[in-house]
Amino acid sequence: MKEIILIFLCFFLGLAGAWSLICFGEQIGMMDLPNRRSSHNKQVCKGAGIGLLFAILVASFFLKITHFLWFPALAISVASLWGGDRYKLTVKQRLFVHFGCSLYFLLFLSETIKMGSAFYLPIIPLAVFIVGTSNFYNFMDGIDGIAGISGLIGFLLLASYGQYIDADPNYITFCVCISASCIGFLFFNFPKAKVFLGDVGSILIGFIFSCLTILMAHSAMDFLIMAGFMFPFYIDEMSTMVVRIKDRESLIIAHRRHIYQLLVNEMETPHWLVSLGYGIFQAVVGLSLIAVQPFGIWAIFSTYFMYSMLFIIISLFVRFKAHAYR
């Protein structure tokens, strides 16, 4: 019963965060002004991820979530609010904060690992995974609904797989609480956005997701499966990076070359349809990875390969059609 009340509380915190920014965002200077790289054509309040942050902190308190998860999440979220949504930090400053928070989590986690209660990989690759996921999530938060839907599905998949591998029940409930806060936010972001998550929310979700993937995994196989619960975001971002490197573009400059952006901007597909499509693809990939888990590591790699090829084929078609629309 207490868990159900907490889940509903997190839902209302996600809802309240979005509503408060709609009401007061303009007065406090939290407006996202459209530019030539935007996928929207009017100013919209941003920073609604503050509701998700409060939900995470409240859930952490009641579920006794370890400090080396919630504290760096708080730090990275506040830094993103200040240095991304309100003012601007340089890329180097942002990465310094992101790696600092990731190392805080991993160094404290390493002490737990020494006691034999967690999955282990070298710290540096894991730090790159956390920072990459945090930023990938931020880069992919560009149209109505996509970040909220992906957060909802991703954390529900984590909760489902957590039950399958007998993960800590508190972490499973924690995942459900985050999904509930995403639902609350989506009331004002989907199908037509009245408010955006902002960096305070998108970087936070990516950070928490990647940390929970590491924290809940009992083996490398668990890690590979759970990381795949955000597969559409990873494959879109990485394939777009390849295209931009090929075209000798700077990777630190904002752009509109992700597949979801081309679908919305060049091909004029409705935001809600693209976001829903990404969510369905995410759920299918995640459930497929869970289904093939009993068949071993090669089945997992084969599943990744199959869906990667499918996405690449679709992306080549979309890029060709988008070029024709110009």
C-alpha atoms as a PDB file:
ATOM      1  CA  MET A   1       0.000   0.000   0.000  1.00  0.00           C
ATOM      2  CA  LYS A   2       2.834   2.410   0.852  1.00  0.00           C
ATOM      3  CA  GLU A   3       4.438   1.718  -2.515  1.00  0.00           C
ATOM      4  CA  ILE A   4       1.204   2.547  -4.355  1.00  0.00           C
ATOM      5  CA  ILE A   5       0.856   5.838  -2.474  1.00  0.00           C
ATOM      6  CA  LEU A   6       4.482   6.703  -3.314  1.00  0.00           C
ATOM      7  CA  ILE A   7       3.941   5.923  -6.995  1.00  0.00           C
ATOM      8  CA  PHE A   8       0.900   8.224  -7.107  1.00  0.00           C
ATOM      9  CA  LEU A   9       2.850  10.924  -5.265  1.00  0.00           C
ATOM     10  CA  CYS A  10       5.602  10.747  -7.897  1.00  0.00           C
ATOM     11  CA  PHE A  11       2.961  10.987 -10.618  1.00  0.00           C
ATOM     12  CA  PHE A  12       1.609  14.191  -9.071  1.00  0.00           C
ATOM     13  CA  LEU A  13       5.107  15.617  -8.632  1.00  0.00           C
ATOM     14  CA  GLY A  14       5.762  15.097 -12.341  1.00  0.00           C
ATOM     15  CA  LEU A  15       2.417  16.735 -13.075  1.00  0.00           C
ATOM     16  CA  ALA A  16       3.041  19.623 -10.673  1.00  0.00           C
ATOM     17  CA  GLY A  17       6.505  20.298 -12.053  1.00  0.00           C
ATOM     18  CA  ALA A  18       5.142  20.707 -15.563  1.00  0.00           C
ATOM     19  CA  TRP A  19       2.167  22.810 -14.415  1.00  0.00           C
ATOM     20  CA  SER A  20       4.329  25.147 -12.333  1.00  0.00           C
ATOM     21  CA  LEU A  21       6.659  25.882 -15.250  1.00  0.00           C
ATOM     22  CA  ILE A  22       3.676  26.612 -17.497  1.00  0.00           C
ATOM     23  CA  CYS A  23       2.420  29.094 -14.912  1.00  0.00           C
ATOM     24  CA  PHE A  24       5.698  30.731 -13.908  1.00  0.00           C
ATOM     25  CA  GLY A  25       8.265  29.810 -16.554  1.00  0.00           C
ATOM     26  CA  GLU A  26       8.072  33.099 -18.407  1.00  0.00           C
ATOM     27  CA  GLN A  27       8.451  35.178 -15.228  1.00  0.00           C
ATOM     28  CA  ILE A  28      11.633  33.337 -14.220  1.00  0.00           C
ATOM     29  CA  GLY A  29      13.143  33.326 -17.692  1.00  0.00           C
ATOM     30  CA  MET A  30      12.636  29.636 -18.459  1.00  0.00           C
ATOM     31  CA  MET A  31      11.514  29.937 -22.071  1.00  0.00           C
ATOM     32  CA  ASP A  32      12.734  27.894 -25.016  1.00  0.00           C
ATOM     33  CA  LEU A  33      12.930  30.304 -27.938  1.00  0.00           C
ATOM     34  CA  PRO A  34      12.727  28.693 -31.393  1.00  0.00           C
ATOM     35  CA  ASN A  35      15.636  29.007 -33.795  1.00  0.00           C
ATOM     36  CA  ARG A  36      16.554  27.498 -37.142  1.00  0.00           C
ATOM     37  CA  ARG A  37      17.585  24.240 -35.459  1.00  0.00           C
ATOM     38  CA  SER A  38      14.392  23.910 -33.396  1.00  0.00           C
ATOM     39  CA  SER A  39      11.553  21.533 -34.200  1.00  0.00           C
ATOM     40  CA  HIS A  40       8.959  23.962 -32.813  1.00  0.00           C
ATOM     41  CA  ASN A  41       7.949  27.374 -34.101  1.00  0.00           C
ATOM     42  CA  LYS A  42       6.783  29.159 -30.955  1.00  0.00           C
ATOM     43  CA  GLN A  43       8.289  29.783 -27.536  1.00  0.00           C
ATOM     44  CA  VAL A  44       7.541  27.129 -24.931  1.00  0.00           C
ATOM     45  CA  CYS A  45       8.396  26.955 -21.233  1.00  0.00           C
ATOM     46  CA  LYS A  46      11.194  24.563 -20.308  1.00  0.00           C
ATOM     47  CA  GLY A  47      12.528  23.114 -17.088  1.00  0.00           C
ATOM     48  CA  ALA A  48       9.570  20.848 -16.235  1.00  0.00           C
ATOM     49  CA  GLY A  49      12.089  18.149 -15.386  1.00  0.00           C
ATOM     50  CA  ILE A  50      12.228  19.777 -11.958  1.00  0.00           C
ATOM     51  CA  GLY A  51       9.099  17.755 -11.137  1.00  0.00           C
ATOM     52  CA  LEU A  52      10.908  14.536 -12.034  1.00  0.00           C
ATOM     53  CA  LEU A  53      13.837  15.602  -9.858  1.00  0.00           C
ATOM     54  CA  PHE A  54      11.559  16.075  -6.837  1.00  0.00           C
ATOM     55  CA  ALA A  55       9.919  12.725  -7.565  1.00  0.00           C
ATOM     56  CA  ILE A  56      13.328  11.025  -7.618  1.00  0.00           C
ATOM     57  CA  LEU A  57      14.384  12.692  -4.362  1.00  0.00           C
ATOM     58  CA  VAL A  58      11.123  11.833  -2.586  1.00  0.00           C
ATOM     59  CA  ALA A  59      11.225   8.232  -3.830  1.00  0.00           C
ATOM     60  CA  SER A  60      14.885   7.978  -2.799  1.00  0.00           C
ATOM     61  CA  PHE A  61      14.020   9.092   0.733  1.00  0.00           C
ATOM     62  CA  PHE A  62      11.130   6.680   1.270  1.00  0.00           C
ATOM     63  CA  LEU A  63      12.805   3.729  -0.484  1.00  0.00           C
ATOM     64  CA  LYS A  64      16.161   4.347   1.207  1.00  0.00           C
ATOM     65  CA  ILE A  65      17.960   4.600  -2.127  1.00  0.00           C
ATOM     66  CA  THR A  66      21.709   4.871  -1.709  1.00  0.00           C
ATOM     67  CA  HIS A  67      23.228   8.356  -1.512  1.00  0.00           C
ATOM     68  CA  PHE A  68      25.672   7.607  -4.322  1.00  0.00           C
ATOM     69  CA  LEU A  69      22.712   7.456  -6.714  1.00  0.00           C
ATOM     70  CA  TRP A  70      20.456  10.302  -5.605  1.00  0.00           C
ATOM     71  CA  PHE A  71      23.168  12.813  -4.630  1.00  0.00           C
ATOM     72  CA  PRO A  72      25.005  12.929  -7.997  1.00  0.00           C
ATOM     73  CA  ALA A  73      21.587  12.884  -9.710  1.00  0.00           C
ATOM     74  CA  LEU A  74      20.670  15.998  -7.731  1.00  0.00           C
ATOM     75  CA  ALA A  75      24.006  17.630  -8.541  1.00  0.00           C
ATOM     76  CA  ILE A  76      23.871  16.930 -12.274  1.00  0.00           C
ATOM     77  CA  SER A  77      20.253  18.082 -12.454  1.00  0.00           C
ATOM     78  CA  VAL A  78      20.889  21.367 -10.627  1.00  0.00           C
ATOM     79  CA  ALA A  79      23.968  22.005 -12.783  1.00  0.00           C
ATOM     80  CA  SER A  80      21.875  21.319 -15.899  1.00  0.00           C
ATOM     81  CA  LEU A  81      19.146  23.682 -14.692  1.00  0.00           C
ATOM     82  CA  TRP A  82      21.674  26.432 -14.046  1.00  0.00           C
ATOM     83  CA  GLY A  83      24.092  25.795 -16.894  1.00  0.00           C
ATOM     84  CA  GLY A  84      21.707  24.571 -19.582  1.00  0.00           C
ATOM     85  CA  ASP A  85      18.194  25.883 -19.028  1.00  0.00           C
ATOM     86  CA  ARG A  86      18.899  29.196 -17.268  1.00  0.00           C
ATOM     87  CA  TYR A  87      22.404  30.139 -18.338  1.00  0.00           C
ATOM     88  CA  LYS A  88      25.026  28.429 -20.480  1.00  0.00           C
ATOM     89  CA  LEU A  89      28.024  26.390 -19.423  1.00  0.00           C
ATOM     90  CA  THR A  90      30.675  25.539 -21.992  1.00  0.00           C
ATOM     91  CA  VAL A  91      30.910  21.982 -23.316  1.00  0.00           C
ATOM     92  CA  LYS A  92      34.056  21.393 -21.230  1.00  0.00           C
ATOM     93  CA  GLN A  93      32.349  22.657 -18.076  1.00  0.00           C
ATOM     94  CA  ARG A  94      29.299  20.461 -18.672  1.00  0.00           C
ATOM     95  CA  LEU A  95      31.443  17.370 -19.292  1.00  0.00           C
ATOM     96  CA  PHE A  96      33.470  18.112 -16.147  1.00  0.00           C
ATOM     97  CA  VAL A  97      30.253  18.080 -14.101  1.00  0.00           C
ATOM     98  CA  HIS A  98      28.919  14.969 -15.853  1.00  0.00           C
ATOM     99  CA  PHE A  99      32.113  12.959 -15.380  1.00  0.00           C
ATOM    100  CA  GLY A 100      32.421  14.191 -11.800  1.00  0.00           C
ATOM    101  CA  CYS A 101      28.925  12.970 -10.934  1.00  0.00           C
ATOM    102  CA  SER A 102      29.504   9.682 -12.754  1.00  0.00           C
ATOM    103  CA  LEU A 103      32.768   9.031 -10.916  1.00  0.00           C
ATOM    104  CA  TYR A 104      31.139   9.858  -7.579  1.00  0.00           C
ATOM    105  CA  PHE A 105      28.551   7.163  -8.275  1.00  0.00           C
ATOM    106  CA  LEU A 106      31.064   4.617  -9.558  1.00  0.00           C
ATOM    107  CA  LEU A 107      33.698   5.098  -6.862  1.00  0.00           C
ATOM    108  CA  PHE A 108      31.184   4.599  -4.068  1.00  0.00           C
ATOM    109  CA  LEU A 109      29.690   1.682  -5.998  1.00  0.00           C
ATOM    110  CA  SER A 110      33.129   0.086  -6.227  1.00  0.00           C
ATOM    111  CA  GLU A 111      33.133  -0.262  -2.443  1.00  0.00           C
ATOM    112  CA  THR A 112      29.855  -2.167  -2.685  1.00  0.00           C
ATOM    113  CA  ILE A 113      31.314  -4.324  -5.452  1.00  0.00           C
ATOM    114  CA  LYS A 114      34.200  -5.303  -3.194  1.00  0.00           C
ATOM    115  CA  MET A 115      31.609  -6.810  -0.867  1.00  0.00           C
ATOM    116  CA  GLY A 116      30.358  -8.969  -3.727  1.00  0.00           C
ATOM    117  CA  SER A 117      26.920  -7.427  -4.194  1.00  0.00           C
ATOM    118  CA  ALA A 118      27.095  -5.826  -7.625  1.00  0.00           C
ATOM    119  CA  PHE A 119      28.173  -6.336 -11.237  1.00  0.00           C
ATOM    120  CA  TYR A 120      31.637  -5.053 -12.118  1.00  0.00           C
ATOM    121  CA  LEU A 121      33.238  -3.470 -15.188  1.00  0.00           C
ATOM    122  CA  PRO A 122      36.213  -1.058 -15.313  1.00  0.00           C
ATOM    123  CA  ILE A 123      35.273   2.399 -14.035  1.00  0.00           C
ATOM    124  CA  ILE A 124      36.333   4.464 -17.056  1.00  0.00           C
ATOM    125  CA  PRO A 125      34.173   2.590 -19.633  1.00  0.00           C
ATOM    126  CA  LEU A 126      31.236   2.772 -17.242  1.00  0.00           C
ATOM    127  CA  ALA A 127      31.774   6.513 -16.733  1.00  0.00           C
ATOM    128  CA  VAL A 128      31.746   6.985 -20.515  1.00  0.00           C
ATOM    129  CA  PHE A 129      28.527   4.955 -20.679  1.00  0.00           C
ATOM    130  CA  ILE A 130      26.854   7.136 -18.029  1.00  0.00           C
ATOM    131  CA  VAL A 131      28.003  10.442 -19.535  1.00  0.00           C
ATOM    132  CA  GLY A 132      27.149   9.265 -23.050  1.00  0.00           C
ATOM    133  CA  THR A 133      23.666   8.140 -22.051  1.00  0.00           C
ATOM    134  CA  SER A 134      23.003  11.391 -20.169  1.00  0.00           C
ATOM    135  CA  ASN A 135      23.962  13.475 -23.189  1.00  0.00           C
ATOM    136  CA  PHE A 136      22.342  11.202 -25.765  1.00  0.00           C
ATOM    137  CA  TYR A 137      19.059  11.531 -23.890  1.00  0.00           C
ATOM    138  CA  ASN A 138      19.433  15.300 -23.910  1.00  0.00           C
ATOM    139  CA  PHE A 139      20.212  15.357 -27.649  1.00  0.00           C
ATOM    140  CA  MET A 140      17.187  13.183 -28.421  1.00  0.00           C
ATOM    141  CA  ASP A 141      14.794  15.395 -26.444  1.00  0.00           C
ATOM    142  CA  GLY A 142      13.763  17.556 -29.384  1.00  0.00           C
ATOM    143  CA  ILE A 143      10.103  16.937 -30.192  1.00  0.00           C
ATOM    144  CA  ASP A 144       6.842  16.711 -28.275  1.00  0.00           C
ATOM    145  CA  GLY A 145       6.543  13.582 -26.159  1.00  0.00           C
ATOM    146  CA  ILE A 146       9.664  11.692 -27.175  1.00  0.00           C
ATOM    147  CA  ALA A 147      11.634  12.060 -23.936  1.00  0.00           C
ATOM    148  CA  GLY A 148       8.656  11.436 -21.652  1.00  0.00           C
ATOM    149  CA  ILE A 149       7.503   8.360 -23.557  1.00  0.00           C
ATOM    150  CA  SER A 150      11.021   6.917 -23.685  1.00  0.00           C
ATOM    151  CA  GLY A 151      11.455   7.504 -19.945  1.00  0.00           C
ATOM    152  CA  LEU A 152       8.107   5.881 -19.190  1.00  0.00           C
ATOM    153  CA  ILE A 153       8.868   2.771 -21.251  1.00  0.00           C
ATOM    154  CA  GLY A 154      12.553   2.536 -20.351  1.00  0.00           C
ATOM    155  CA  PHE A 155      12.016   2.517 -16.590  1.00  0.00           C
ATOM    156  CA  LEU A 156       9.051   0.144 -16.832  1.00  0.00           C
ATOM    157  CA  LEU A 157      11.290  -2.248 -18.762  1.00  0.00           C
ATOM    158  CA  LEU A 158      13.950  -1.887 -16.065  1.00  0.00           C
ATOM    159  CA  ALA A 159      11.346  -2.674 -13.405  1.00  0.00           C
ATOM    160  CA  SER A 160      10.093  -5.716 -15.333  1.00  0.00           C
ATOM    161  CA  TYR A 161      13.547  -7.123 -15.921  1.00  0.00           C
ATOM    162  CA  GLY A 162      14.482  -6.330 -12.323  1.00  0.00           C
ATOM    163  CA  GLN A 163      11.710  -8.618 -11.158  1.00  0.00           C
ATOM    164  CA  TYR A 164      12.916 -11.304 -13.572  1.00  0.00           C
ATOM    165  CA  ILE A 165      16.462 -11.281 -12.128  1.00  0.00           C
ATOM    166  CA  ASP A 166      15.357 -10.755  -8.493  1.00  0.00           C
ATOM    167  CA  ALA A 167      16.840  -7.281  -8.180  1.00  0.00           C
ATOM    168  CA  ASP A 168      16.408  -5.241  -5.005  1.00  0.00           C
ATOM    169  CA  PRO A 169      12.631  -4.590  -4.664  1.00  0.00           C
ATOM    170  CA  ASN A 170      13.315  -0.969  -3.695  1.00  0.00           C
ATOM    171  CA  TYR A 171      15.063  -0.343  -7.013  1.00  0.00           C
ATOM    172  CA  ILE A 172      12.163  -1.951  -8.857  1.00  0.00           C
ATOM    173  CA  THR A 173       9.683   0.346  -7.095  1.00  0.00           C
ATOM    174  CA  PHE A 174      12.031   3.266  -7.730  1.00  0.00           C
ATOM    175  CA  CYS A 175      11.872   2.572 -11.484  1.00  0.00           C
ATOM    176  CA  VAL A 176       8.067   2.487 -11.377  1.00  0.00           C
ATOM    177  CA  CYS A 177       8.039   5.799  -9.485  1.00  0.00           C
ATOM    178  CA  ILE A 178      10.150   7.448 -12.202  1.00  0.00           C
ATOM    179  CA  SER A 179       7.819   6.060 -14.883  1.00  0.00           C
ATOM    180  CA  ALA A 180       4.867   7.504 -12.957  1.00  0.00           C
ATOM    181  CA  SER A 181       6.509  10.943 -12.840  1.00  0.00           C
ATOM    182  CA  CYS A 182       7.044  10.733 -16.612  1.00  0.00           C
ATOM    183  CA  ILE A 183       3.310  10.076 -17.054  1.00  0.00           C
ATOM    184  CA  GLY A 184       2.533  13.176 -15.001  1.00  0.00           C
ATOM    185  CA  PHE A 185       4.859  15.265 -17.164  1.00  0.00           C
ATOM    186  CA  LEU A 186       3.363  13.853 -20.378  1.00  0.00           C
ATOM    187  CA  PHE A 187      -0.036  15.311 -19.497  1.00  0.00           C
ATOM    188  CA  PHE A 188       1.418  18.685 -20.515  1.00  0.00           C
ATOM    189  CA  ASN A 189       3.894  17.496 -23.165  1.00  0.00           C
ATOM    190  CA  PHE A 190       1.958  15.031 -25.314  1.00  0.00           C
ATOM    191  CA  PRO A 191       0.470  15.034 -27.894  1.00  0.00           C
ATOM    192  CA  LYS A 192       1.100  18.817 -28.064  1.00  0.00           C
ATOM    193  CA  ALA A 193       3.788  20.270 -25.823  1.00  0.00           C
ATOM    194  CA  LYS A 194       2.869  23.090 -23.476  1.00  0.00           C
ATOM    195  CA  VAL A 195       6.163  22.645 -21.629  1.00  0.00           C
ATOM    196  CA  PHE A 196       9.520  20.911 -22.170  1.00  0.00           C
ATOM    197  CA  LEU A 197      11.657  18.847 -19.781  1.00  0.00           C
ATOM    198  CA  GLY A 198      14.712  21.017 -20.334  1.00  0.00           C
ATOM    199  CA  ASP A 199      18.246  19.889 -19.549  1.00  0.00           C
ATOM    200  CA  VAL A 200      17.294  19.584 -15.878  1.00  0.00           C
ATOM    201  CA  GLY A 201      15.037  16.651 -16.808  1.00  0.00           C
ATOM    202  CA  SER A 202      16.527  15.042 -19.904  1.00  0.00           C
ATOM    203  CA  ILE A 203      20.096  14.783 -18.592  1.00  0.00           C
ATOM    204  CA  LEU A 204      18.709  13.603 -15.246  1.00  0.00           C
ATOM    205  CA  ILE A 205      16.713  10.778 -16.842  1.00  0.00           C
ATOM    206  CA  GLY A 206      19.680   9.611 -18.890  1.00  0.00           C
ATOM    207  CA  PHE A 207      21.929   9.697 -15.824  1.00  0.00           C
ATOM    208  CA  ILE A 208      19.523   7.803 -13.563  1.00  0.00           C
ATOM    209  CA  PHE A 209      18.751   5.219 -16.253  1.00  0.00           C
ATOM    210  CA  SER A 210      22.413   4.422 -16.899  1.00  0.00           C
ATOM    211  CA  CYS A 211      23.250   4.273 -13.182  1.00  0.00           C
ATOM    212  CA  LEU A 212      20.337   1.934 -12.470  1.00  0.00           C
ATOM    213  CA  THR A 213      21.395  -0.269 -15.379  1.00  0.00           C
ATOM    214  CA  ILE A 214      24.785  -0.707 -13.712  1.00  0.00           C
ATOM    215  CA  LEU A 215      23.404  -0.960 -10.185  1.00  0.00           C
ATOM    216  CA  MET A 216      20.746  -3.579 -10.939  1.00  0.00           C
ATOM    217  CA  ALA A 217      22.835  -5.790 -13.238  1.00  0.00           C
ATOM    218  CA  HIS A 218      24.148  -9.068 -11.808  1.00  0.00           C
ATOM    219  CA  SER A 219      26.203  -9.893 -14.919  1.00  0.00           C
ATOM    220  CA  ALA A 220      27.462  -8.523 -18.223  1.00  0.00           C
ATOM    221  CA  MET A 221      24.444 -10.131 -19.884  1.00  0.00           C
ATOM    222  CA  ASP A 222      22.055  -8.229 -17.614  1.00  0.00           C
ATOM    223  CA  PHE A 223      23.919  -5.030 -18.407  1.00  0.00           C
ATOM    224  CA  LEU A 224      23.665  -5.592 -22.181  1.00  0.00           C
ATOM    225  CA  ILE A 225      19.955  -6.335 -21.953  1.00  0.00           C
ATOM    226  CA  MET A 226      19.036  -3.371 -19.764  1.00  0.00           C
ATOM    227  CA  ALA A 227      21.161  -0.918 -21.746  1.00  0.00           C
ATOM    228  CA  GLY A 228      19.098  -1.940 -24.768  1.00  0.00           C
ATOM    229  CA  PHE A 229      15.961  -0.573 -23.138  1.00  0.00           C
ATOM    230  CA  MET A 230      16.986   2.822 -24.609  1.00  0.00           C
ATOM    231  CA  PHE A 231      18.056   1.326 -27.931  1.00  0.00           C
ATOM    232  CA  PRO A 232      16.277   3.807 -30.283  1.00  0.00           C
ATOM    233  CA  PHE A 233      18.018   6.768 -28.644  1.00  0.00           C
ATOM    234  CA  TYR A 234      21.437   5.096 -28.845  1.00  0.00           C
ATOM    235  CA  ILE A 235      21.136   3.972 -32.476  1.00  0.00           C
ATOM    236  CA  ASP A 236      19.685   7.276 -33.718  1.00  0.00           C
ATOM    237  CA  GLU A 237      22.392   9.323 -31.998  1.00  0.00           C
ATOM    238  CA  MET A 238      25.303   7.072 -32.981  1.00  0.00           C
ATOM    239  CA  SER A 239      24.220   6.700 -36.614  1.00  0.00           C
ATOM    240  CA  THR A 240      23.751  10.470 -36.839  1.00  0.00           C
ATOM    241  CA  MET A 241      27.222  11.011 -35.386  1.00  0.00           C
ATOM    242  CA  VAL A 242      28.648   8.789 -38.139  1.00  0.00           C
ATOM    243  CA  VAL A 243      26.871  10.860 -40.798  1.00  0.00           C
ATOM    244  CA  ARG A 244      28.084  14.136 -39.295  1.00  0.00           C
ATOM    245  CA  ILE A 245      31.677  12.903 -38.973  1.00  0.00           C
ATOM    246  CA  LYS A 246      31.539  11.776 -42.594  1.00  0.00           C
ATOM    247  CA  ASP A 247      30.374  15.277 -43.560  1.00  0.00           C
ATOM    248  CA  ARG A 248      33.102  16.824 -41.376  1.00  0.00           C
ATOM    249  CA  GLU A 249      30.669  18.600 -39.070  1.00  0.00           C
ATOM    250  CA  SER A 250      31.558  19.584 -35.518  1.00  0.00           C
ATOM    251  CA  LEU A 251      29.816  17.242 -33.078  1.00  0.00           C
ATOM    252  CA  ILE A 252      29.387  19.986 -30.471  1.00  0.00           C
ATOM    253  CA  ILE A 253      27.254  22.218 -32.704  1.00  0.00           C
ATOM    254  CA  ALA A 254      23.448  21.859 -32.515  1.00  0.00           C
ATOM    255  CA  HIS A 255      21.768  20.379 -35.582  1.00  0.00           C
ATOM    256  CA  ARG A 256      18.589  18.847 -37.007  1.00  0.00           C
ATOM    257  CA  ARG A 257      19.971  15.653 -38.548  1.00  0.00           C
ATOM    258  CA  HIS A 258      18.607  12.970 -36.217  1.00  0.00           C
ATOM    259  CA  ILE A 259      16.094  10.691 -37.885  1.00  0.00           C
ATOM    260  CA  TYR A 260      13.297  11.862 -35.590  1.00  0.00           C
ATOM    261  CA  GLN A 261      14.104  15.477 -36.564  1.00  0.00           C
ATOM    262  CA  LEU A 262      14.101  14.716 -40.283  1.00  0.00           C
ATOM    263  CA  LEU A 263      10.753  12.958 -39.953  1.00  0.00           C
ATOM    264  CA  VAL A 264       9.215  15.962 -38.182  1.00  0.00           C
ATOM    265  CA  ASN A 265      10.898  18.888 -39.910  1.00  0.00           C
ATOM    266  CA  GLU A 266      11.610  17.823 -43.485  1.00  0.00           C
ATOM    267  CA  MET A 267       8.875  15.215 -43.952  1.00  0.00           C
ATOM    268  CA  GLU A 268       6.304  17.033 -41.765  1.00  0.00           C
ATOM    269  CA  THR A 269       5.269  13.933 -39.810  1.00  0.00           C
ATOM    270  CA  PRO A 270       3.307  14.897 -36.665  1.00  0.00           C
ATOM    271  CA  HIS A 271       5.401  15.029 -33.494  1.00  0.00           C
ATOM    272  CA  TRP A 272       3.088  12.684 -31.609  1.00  0.00           C
ATOM    273  CA  LEU A 273       3.288  10.021 -34.312  1.00  0.00           C
ATOM    274  CA  VAL A 274       7.097  10.025 -34.410  1.00  0.00           C
ATOM    275  CA  SER A 275       7.343   9.948 -30.612  1.00  0.00           C
ATOM    276  CA  LEU A 276       4.835   7.115 -30.385  1.00  0.00           C
ATOM    277  CA  GLY A 277       6.697   5.216 -33.108  1.00  0.00           C
ATOM    278  CA  TYR A 278       9.971   5.528 -31.212  1.00  0.00           C
ATOM    279  CA  GLY A 279       8.241   4.349 -28.044  1.00  0.00           C
ATOM    280  CA  ILE A 280       6.773   1.281 -29.750  1.00  0.00           C
ATOM    281  CA  PHE A 281      10.151   0.447 -31.291  1.00  0.00           C
ATOM    282  CA  GLN A 282      11.780   0.846 -27.877  1.00  0.00           C
ATOM    283  CA  ALA A 283       9.271  -1.516 -26.252  1.00  0.00           C
ATOM    284  CA  VAL A 284       9.640  -4.125 -29.005  1.00  0.00           C
ATOM    285  CA  VAL A 285      13.449  -4.115 -28.768  1.00  0.00           C
ATOM    286  CA  GLY A 286      13.378  -4.245 -24.968  1.00  0.00           C
ATOM    287  CA  LEU A 287      10.902  -7.122 -24.811  1.00  0.00           C
ATOM    288  CA  SER A 288      12.856  -8.970 -27.522  1.00  0.00           C
ATOM    289  CA  LEU A 289      16.055  -8.722 -25.488  1.00  0.00           C
ATOM    290  CA  ILE A 290      14.286 -10.066 -22.413  1.00  0.00           C
ATOM    291  CA  ALA A 291      12.770 -12.902 -24.463  1.00  0.00           C
ATOM    292  CA  VAL A 292      16.115 -14.100 -25.888  1.00  0.00           C
ATOM    293  CA  GLN A 293      17.956 -13.882 -22.546  1.00  0.00           C
ATOM    294  CA  PRO A 294      17.673 -17.657 -21.862  1.00  0.00           C
ATOM    295  CA  PHE A 295      19.464 -18.378 -25.169  1.00  0.00           C
ATOM    296  CA  GLY A 296      22.676 -16.646 -24.148  1.00  0.00           C
ATOM    297  CA  ILE A 297      24.940 -13.810 -25.158  1.00  0.00           C
ATOM    298  CA  TRP A 298      24.988 -14.548 -28.894  1.00  0.00           C
ATOM    299  CA  ALA A 299      21.212 -14.344 -29.057  1.00  0.00           C
ATOM    300  CA  ILE A 300      21.440 -10.892 -27.482  1.00  0.00           C
ATOM    301  CA  PHE A 301      24.105  -9.744 -29.952  1.00  0.00           C
ATOM    302  CA  SER A 302      22.018 -11.152 -32.827  1.00  0.00           C
ATOM    303  CA  THR A 303      18.981  -9.223 -31.608  1.00  0.00           C
ATOM    304  CA  TYR A 304      21.017  -6.031 -31.454  1.00  0.00           C
ATOM    305  CA  PHE A 305      22.358  -6.663 -34.958  1.00  0.00           C
ATOM    306  CA  MET A 306      18.900  -7.342 -36.401  1.00  0.00           C
ATOM    307  CA  TYR A 307      17.325  -4.179 -35.000  1.00  0.00           C
ATOM    308  CA  SER A 308      20.391  -2.093 -35.867  1.00  0.00           C
ATOM    309  CA  MET A 309      20.193  -3.187 -39.498  1.00  0.00           C
ATOM    310  CA  LEU A 310      16.465  -2.475 -39.530  1.00  0.00           C
ATOM    311  CA  PHE A 311      17.010   1.027 -38.174  1.00  0.00           C
ATOM    312  CA  ILE A 312      19.867   1.746 -40.584  1.00  0.00           C
ATOM    313  CA  ILE A 313      17.774   0.681 -43.567  1.00  0.00           C
ATOM    314  CA  ILE A 314      14.905   2.881 -42.415  1.00  0.00           C
ATOM    315  CA  SER A 315      17.277   5.775 -41.691  1.00  0.00           C
ATOM    316  CA  LEU A 316      18.813   5.601 -45.172  1.00  0.00           C
ATOM    317  CA  PHE A 317      15.322   5.775 -46.663  1.00  0.00           C
ATOM    318  CA  VAL A 318      14.364   8.703 -44.402  1.00  0.00           C
ATOM    319  CA  ARG A 319      17.559  10.627 -45.203  1.00  0.00           C
ATOM    320  CA  PHE A 320      17.012  10.085 -48.928  1.00  0.00           C
ATOM    321  CA  LYS A 321      13.384  11.232 -48.751  1.00  0.00           C
ATOM    322  CA  ALA A 322      14.221  14.185 -46.502  1.00  0.00           C
ATOM    323  CA  HIS A 323      16.873  15.338 -48.980  1.00  0.00           C
ATOM    324  CA  ALA A 324      14.271  15.138 -51.750  1.00  0.00           C
ATOM    325  CA  TYR A 325      11.884  17.345 -49.722  1.00  0.00           C
ATOM    326  CA  ARG A 326      14.411  20.186 -49.500  1.00  0.00           C
END
